[in-house]
Every structure is written in structure tokens, then in C-alpha cells.
PDB file of N, CA and C in Angstrom:
ATOM      1  N   UNK A   1     138.933 164.887 198.773  1.00  0.00           N
ATOM      2  CA  UNK A   1     139.623 164.388 199.777  1.00  0.00           C
ATOM      3  C   UNK A   1     139.676 162.918 199.251  1.00  0.00           C
ATOM      4  N   UNK A   2     139.257 161.658 198.406  1.00  0.00           N
ATOM      5  CA  UNK A   2     139.686 160.776 198.691  1.00  0.00           C
ATOM      6  C   UNK A   2     140.319 160.727 197.177  1.00  0.00           C
ATOM      7  N   UNK A   3     139.563 161.679 195.881  1.00  0.00           N
ATOM      8  CA  UNK A   3     140.796 161.598 195.084  1.00  0.00           C
ATOM      9  C   UNK A   3     142.335 162.041 195.248  1.00  0.00           C
ATOM     10  N   UNK A   4     142.806 162.762 196.005  1.00  0.00           N
ATOM     11  CA  UNK A   4     144.122 162.640 196.485  1.00  0.00           C
ATOM     12  C   UNK A   4     144.601 161.291 197.101  1.00  0.00           C
ATOM     13  N   UNK A   5     143.563 160.698 197.964  1.00  0.00           N
ATOM     14  CA  UNK A   5     143.867 159.752 198.422  1.00  0.00           C
ATOM     15  C   UNK A   5     144.529 158.571 197.557  1.00  0.00           C
ATOM     16  N   UNK A   6     143.602 158.407 196.049  1.00  0.00           N
ATOM     17  CA  UNK A   6     143.755 157.489 195.235  1.00  0.00           C
ATOM     18  C   UNK A   6     144.875 157.794 194.502  1.00  0.00           C
ATOM     19  N   UNK A   7     145.250 159.332 194.411  1.00  0.00           N
ATOM     20  CA  UNK A   7     145.843 159.818 193.343  1.00  0.00           C
ATOM     21  C   UNK A   7     147.473 158.805 194.277  1.00  0.00           C
ATOM     22  N   UNK A   8     147.497 159.270 195.365  1.00  0.00           N
ATOM     23  CA  UNK A   8     148.644 158.785 196.249  1.00  0.00           C
ATOM     24  C   UNK A   8     149.059 157.073 196.336  1.00  0.00           C
ATOM     25  N   UNK A   9     147.840 156.600 196.377  1.00  0.00           N
ATOM     26  CA  UNK A   9     148.281 155.162 196.238  1.00  0.00           C
ATOM     27  C   UNK A   9     148.336 154.789 194.736  1.00  0.00           C
ATOM     28  N   UNK A  10     148.045 155.508 193.556  1.00  0.00           N
ATOM     29  CA  UNK A  10     148.450 154.783 192.134  1.00  0.00           C
ATOM     30  C   UNK A  10     150.048 155.331 192.110  1.00  0.00           C
ATOM     31  N   UNK A  11     150.444 156.667 192.458  1.00  0.00           N
ATOM     32  CA  UNK A  11     151.546 156.912 192.044  1.00  0.00           C
ATOM     33  C   UNK A  11     153.204 155.696 193.032  1.00  0.00           C
ATOM     34  N   UNK A  12     152.143 155.787 194.394  1.00  0.00           N
ATOM     35  CA  UNK A  12     152.716 154.561 195.304  1.00  0.00           C
ATOM     36  C   UNK A  12     153.319 153.189 194.652  1.00  0.00           C
ATOM     37  N   UNK A  13     152.310 152.821 193.320  1.00  0.00           N
ATOM     38  CA  UNK A  13     152.105 151.374 193.092  1.00  0.00           C
ATOM     39  C   UNK A  13     153.056 151.795 192.231  1.00  0.00           C
ATOM     40  N   UNK A  14     153.110 153.073 190.913  1.00  0.00           N
ATOM     41  CA  UNK A  14     153.860 153.027 189.861  1.00  0.00           C
ATOM     42  C   UNK A  14     155.356 153.311 190.342  1.00  0.00           C
ATOM     43  N   UNK A  15     155.759 153.957 191.374  1.00  0.00           N
ATOM     44  CA  UNK A  15     157.088 153.993 191.689  1.00  0.00           C
ATOM     45  C   UNK A  15     157.504 152.780 192.235  1.00  0.00           C
ATOM     46  N   UNK A  16     156.770 152.002 192.882  1.00  0.00           N
ATOM     47  CA  UNK A  16     156.964 150.562 193.018  1.00  0.00           C
ATOM     48  C   UNK A  16     157.764 149.685 192.185  1.00  0.00           C
ATOM     49  N   UNK A  17     157.207 150.246 190.782  1.00  0.00           N
ATOM     50  CA  UNK A  17     157.797 148.868 189.860  1.00  0.00           C
ATOM     51  C   UNK A  17     159.333 149.679 189.367  1.00  0.00           C
ATOM     52  N   UNK A  18     159.704 151.007 190.288  1.00  0.00           N
ATOM     53  CA  UNK A  18     160.871 151.017 189.528  1.00  0.00           C
ATOM     54  C   UNK A  18     162.233 150.898 190.687  1.00  0.00           C
ATOM     55  N   UNK A  19     161.638 150.699 191.576  1.00  0.00           N
ATOM     56  CA  UNK A  19     162.768 150.679 192.940  1.00  0.00           C
ATOM     57  C   UNK A  19     163.537 149.401 192.933  1.00  0.00           C
ATOM     58  N   UNK A  20     164.646 149.029 193.475  1.00  0.00           N
ATOM     59  CA  UNK A  20     165.363 148.140 193.113  1.00  0.00           C
ATOM     60  C   UNK A  20     164.470 146.821 193.868  1.00  0.00           C
ATOM     61  N   UNK A  21     165.316 145.915 193.443  1.00  0.00           N
ATOM     62  CA  UNK A  21     164.381 144.170 194.504  1.00  0.00           C
ATOM     63  C   UNK A  21     164.739 144.424 195.638  1.00  0.00           C
ATOM     64  N   UNK A  22     165.823 144.503 196.299  1.00  0.00           N
ATOM     65  CA  UNK A  22     166.257 144.232 197.303  1.00  0.00           C
ATOM     66  C   UNK A  22     165.336 145.493 198.190  1.00  0.00           C
ATOM     67  N   UNK A  23     164.886 146.229 197.994  1.00  0.00           N
ATOM     68  CA  UNK A  23     164.126 147.455 198.493  1.00  0.00           C
ATOM     69  C   UNK A  23     162.447 147.630 198.385  1.00  0.00           C
ATOM     70  N   UNK A  24     162.138 146.576 197.833  1.00  0.00           N
ATOM     71  CA  UNK A  24     160.796 146.365 197.497  1.00  0.00           C
ATOM     72  C   UNK A  24     160.086 146.180 198.681  1.00  0.00           C
ATOM     73  N   UNK A  25     160.241 144.888 199.494  1.00  0.00           N
ATOM     74  CA  UNK A  25     159.958 144.932 200.692  1.00  0.00           C
ATOM     75  C   UNK A  25     159.340 145.549 201.863  1.00  0.00           C
ATOM     76  N   UNK A  26     160.485 146.359 201.826  1.00  0.00           N
ATOM     77  CA  UNK A  26     161.032 147.678 202.890  1.00  0.00           C
ATOM     78  C   UNK A  26     159.571 148.733 202.718  1.00  0.00           C
ATOM     79  N   UNK A  27     160.105 149.240 201.322  1.00  0.00           N
ATOM     80  CA  UNK A  27     158.941 150.290 200.866  1.00  0.00           C
ATOM     81  C   UNK A  27     157.725 149.740 200.810  1.00  0.00           C
ATOM     82  N   UNK A  28     157.149 148.430 200.184  1.00  0.00           N
ATOM     83  CA  UNK A  28     155.377 147.897 200.783  1.00  0.00           C
ATOM     84  C   UNK A  28     155.074 148.028 201.852  1.00  0.00           C
ATOM     85  N   UNK A  29     155.999 147.722 202.672  1.00  0.00           N
ATOM     86  CA  UNK A  29     155.243 147.991 203.967  1.00  0.00           C
ATOM     87  C   UNK A  29     155.103 149.269 204.406  1.00  0.00           C
ATOM     88  N   UNK A  30     156.220 149.930 204.343  1.00  0.00           N
ATOM     89  CA  UNK A  30     155.899 151.567 204.229  1.00  0.00           C
ATOM     90  C   UNK A  30     154.153 152.252 203.913  1.00  0.00           C
ATOM     91  N   UNK A  31     154.290 151.746 202.713  1.00  0.00           N
ATOM     92  CA  UNK A  31     153.655 152.547 201.970  1.00  0.00           C
ATOM     93  C   UNK A  31     151.769 151.856 202.514  1.00  0.00           C
ATOM     94  N   UNK A  32     151.670 150.579 202.968  1.00  0.00           N
ATOM     95  CA  UNK A  32     150.829 149.842 203.721  1.00  0.00           C
ATOM     96  C   UNK A  32     150.356 150.568 204.949  1.00  0.00           C
ATOM     97  N   UNK A  33     151.676 150.674 205.672  1.00  0.00           N
ATOM     98  CA  UNK A  33     151.154 150.891 206.987  1.00  0.00           C
ATOM     99  C   UNK A  33     150.682 152.826 207.061  1.00  0.00           C
ATOM    100  N   UNK A  34     151.629 153.390 206.035  1.00  0.00           N
ATOM    101  CA  UNK A  34     151.120 155.163 205.422  1.00  0.00           C
ATOM    102  C   UNK A  34     149.542 154.490 205.468  1.00  0.00           C
ATOM    103  N   UNK A  35     149.278 153.692 204.395  1.00  0.00           N
ATOM    104  CA  UNK A  35     147.471 153.753 204.407  1.00  0.00           C
ATOM    105  C   UNK A  35     146.977 153.502 205.055  1.00  0.00           C
ATOM    106  N   UNK A  36     147.098 152.317 206.063  1.00  0.00           N
ATOM    107  CA  UNK A  36     146.689 152.402 207.045  1.00  0.00           C
ATOM    108  C   UNK A  36     146.199 152.940 208.346  1.00  0.00           C
ATOM    109  N   UNK A  37     147.405 153.919 208.371  1.00  0.00           N
ATOM    110  CA  UNK A  37     147.374 154.843 209.784  1.00  0.00           C
ATOM    111  C   UNK A  37     146.429 155.826 208.483  1.00  0.00           C
ATOM    112  N   UNK A  38     146.690 156.488 207.577  1.00  0.00           N
ATOM    113  CA  UNK A  38     145.629 157.355 206.998  1.00  0.00           C
ATOM    114  C   UNK A  38     144.672 156.958 207.258  1.00  0.00           C
ATOM    115  N   UNK A  39     143.946 156.005 206.854  1.00  0.00           N
ATOM    116  CA  UNK A  39     142.363 155.404 207.202  1.00  0.00           C
ATOM    117  C   UNK A  39     142.390 155.343 208.392  1.00  0.00           C
ATOM    118  N   UNK A  40     142.825 154.709 209.144  1.00  0.00           N
ATOM    119  CA  UNK A  40     142.113 154.850 210.844  1.00  0.00           C
ATOM    120  C   UNK A  40     142.139 156.393 211.616  1.00  0.00           C
ATOM    121  N   UNK A  41     143.214 157.352 210.700  1.00  0.00           N
ATOM    122  CA  UNK A  41     142.731 158.450 210.782  1.00  0.00           C
ATOM    123  C   UNK A  41     141.759 159.168 210.937  1.00  0.00           C
ATOM    124  N   UNK A  42     141.426 159.425 209.322  1.00  0.00           N
ATOM    125  CA  UNK A  42     140.015 159.755 208.910  1.00  0.00           C
ATOM    126  C   UNK A  42     138.993 158.764 208.811  1.00  0.00           C
ATOM    127  N   UNK A  43     139.198 157.537 209.856  1.00  0.00           N
ATOM    128  CA  UNK A  43     137.875 156.752 209.525  1.00  0.00           C
ATOM    129  C   UNK A  43     136.580 157.003 209.276  1.00  0.00           C
ATOM    130  N   UNK A  44     136.293 158.637 209.658  1.00  0.00           N
ATOM    131  CA  UNK A  44     134.998 158.547 209.591  1.00  0.00           C
ATOM    132  C   UNK A  44     134.458 159.082 208.061  1.00  0.00           C
ATOM    133  N   UNK A  45     135.494 159.538 207.443  1.00  0.00           N
ATOM    134  CA  UNK A  45     135.249 159.879 206.063  1.00  0.00           C
ATOM    135  C   UNK A  45     134.893 158.272 205.159  1.00  0.00           C
ATOM    136  N   UNK A  46     135.865 157.516 205.290  1.00  0.00           N
ATOM    137  CA  UNK A  46     135.905 156.333 204.710  1.00  0.00           C
ATOM    138  C   UNK A  46     134.537 155.204 204.949  1.00  0.00           C
ATOM    139  N   UNK A  47     134.561 155.080 206.261  1.00  0.00           N
ATOM    140  CA  UNK A  47     133.260 154.449 207.040  1.00  0.00           C
ATOM    141  C   UNK A  47     132.221 155.277 207.817  1.00  0.00           C
ATOM    142  N   UNK A  48     131.348 155.706 207.204  1.00  0.00           N
ATOM    143  CA  UNK A  48     130.375 156.679 207.618  1.00  0.00           C
ATOM    144  C   UNK A  48     129.147 155.707 208.953  1.00  0.00           C
ATOM    145  N   UNK A  49     129.397 156.599 209.480  1.00  0.00           N
ATOM    146  CA  UNK A  49     128.610 155.918 210.919  1.00  0.00           C
ATOM    147  C   UNK A  49     126.655 155.531 210.184  1.00  0.00           C
ATOM    148  N   UNK A  50     126.107 154.457 209.928  1.00  0.00           N
ATOM    149  CA  UNK A  50     124.501 154.162 209.692  1.00  0.00           C
ATOM    150  C   UNK A  50     124.108 153.344 210.939  1.00  0.00           C
ATOM    151  N   UNK A  51     123.333 154.430 211.564  1.00  0.00           N
ATOM    152  CA  UNK A  51     122.598 153.652 212.315  1.00  0.00           C
ATOM    153  C   UNK A  51     123.434 153.367 213.708  1.00  0.00           C
ATOM    154  N   UNK A  52     123.250 152.400 214.534  1.00  0.00           N
ATOM    155  CA  UNK A  52     123.681 152.120 215.809  1.00  0.00           C
ATOM    156  C   UNK A  52     123.077 153.108 217.081  1.00  0.00           C
ATOM    157  N   UNK A  53     123.840 152.868 218.231  1.00  0.00           N
ATOM    158  CA  UNK A  53     123.235 153.076 219.442  1.00  0.00           C
ATOM    159  C   UNK A  53     123.692 154.667 219.564  1.00  0.00           C
ATOM    160  N   UNK A  54     124.136 155.076 218.862  1.00  0.00           N
ATOM    161  CA  UNK A  54     124.668 156.482 219.554  1.00  0.00           C
ATOM    162  C   UNK A  54     124.156 157.568 219.132  1.00  0.00           C
ATOM    163  N   UNK A  55     122.910 157.282 218.192  1.00  0.00           N
ATOM    164  CA  UNK A  55     122.262 158.023 217.518  1.00  0.00           C
ATOM    165  C   UNK A  55     121.035 158.376 218.250  1.00  0.00           C
ATOM    166  N   UNK A  56     120.441 157.820 219.152  1.00  0.00           N
ATOM    167  CA  UNK A  56     119.507 157.962 219.599  1.00  0.00           C
ATOM    168  C   UNK A  56     118.958 159.074 220.992  1.00  0.00           C
TER     169      UNK A  56
END
């Protein structure tokens, strides 16, 4: 799953090089927010729980 995530990021960065200058800020905000949403929804695969109070 992570390889698809990193592939999507690379494609977004490469596609960002070819969009017009006046659209770059809006597209950048959309990409960052979608990545943050994806990581937030699938946080257990990106940040595994190590110890803590829940595993007693």
C-alpha cells in the first residue's frame, strides 16, 4: 500500500511542474490536504503503536 502512496506523490510532483503558474498554489494546497487526509485515515499503517497504556 505504501508503494502506491509514494507513487501518487511522485506523479503529483511531476504533474505540478507542468501546470500553469496561476494554478500552482491551489493545486499544491489540494495535494497537501489530500495526502494529510489519507495519512489521517490510515494512520495505523504509517504510525504503528509502540507500547503505551492500551496494551496492558
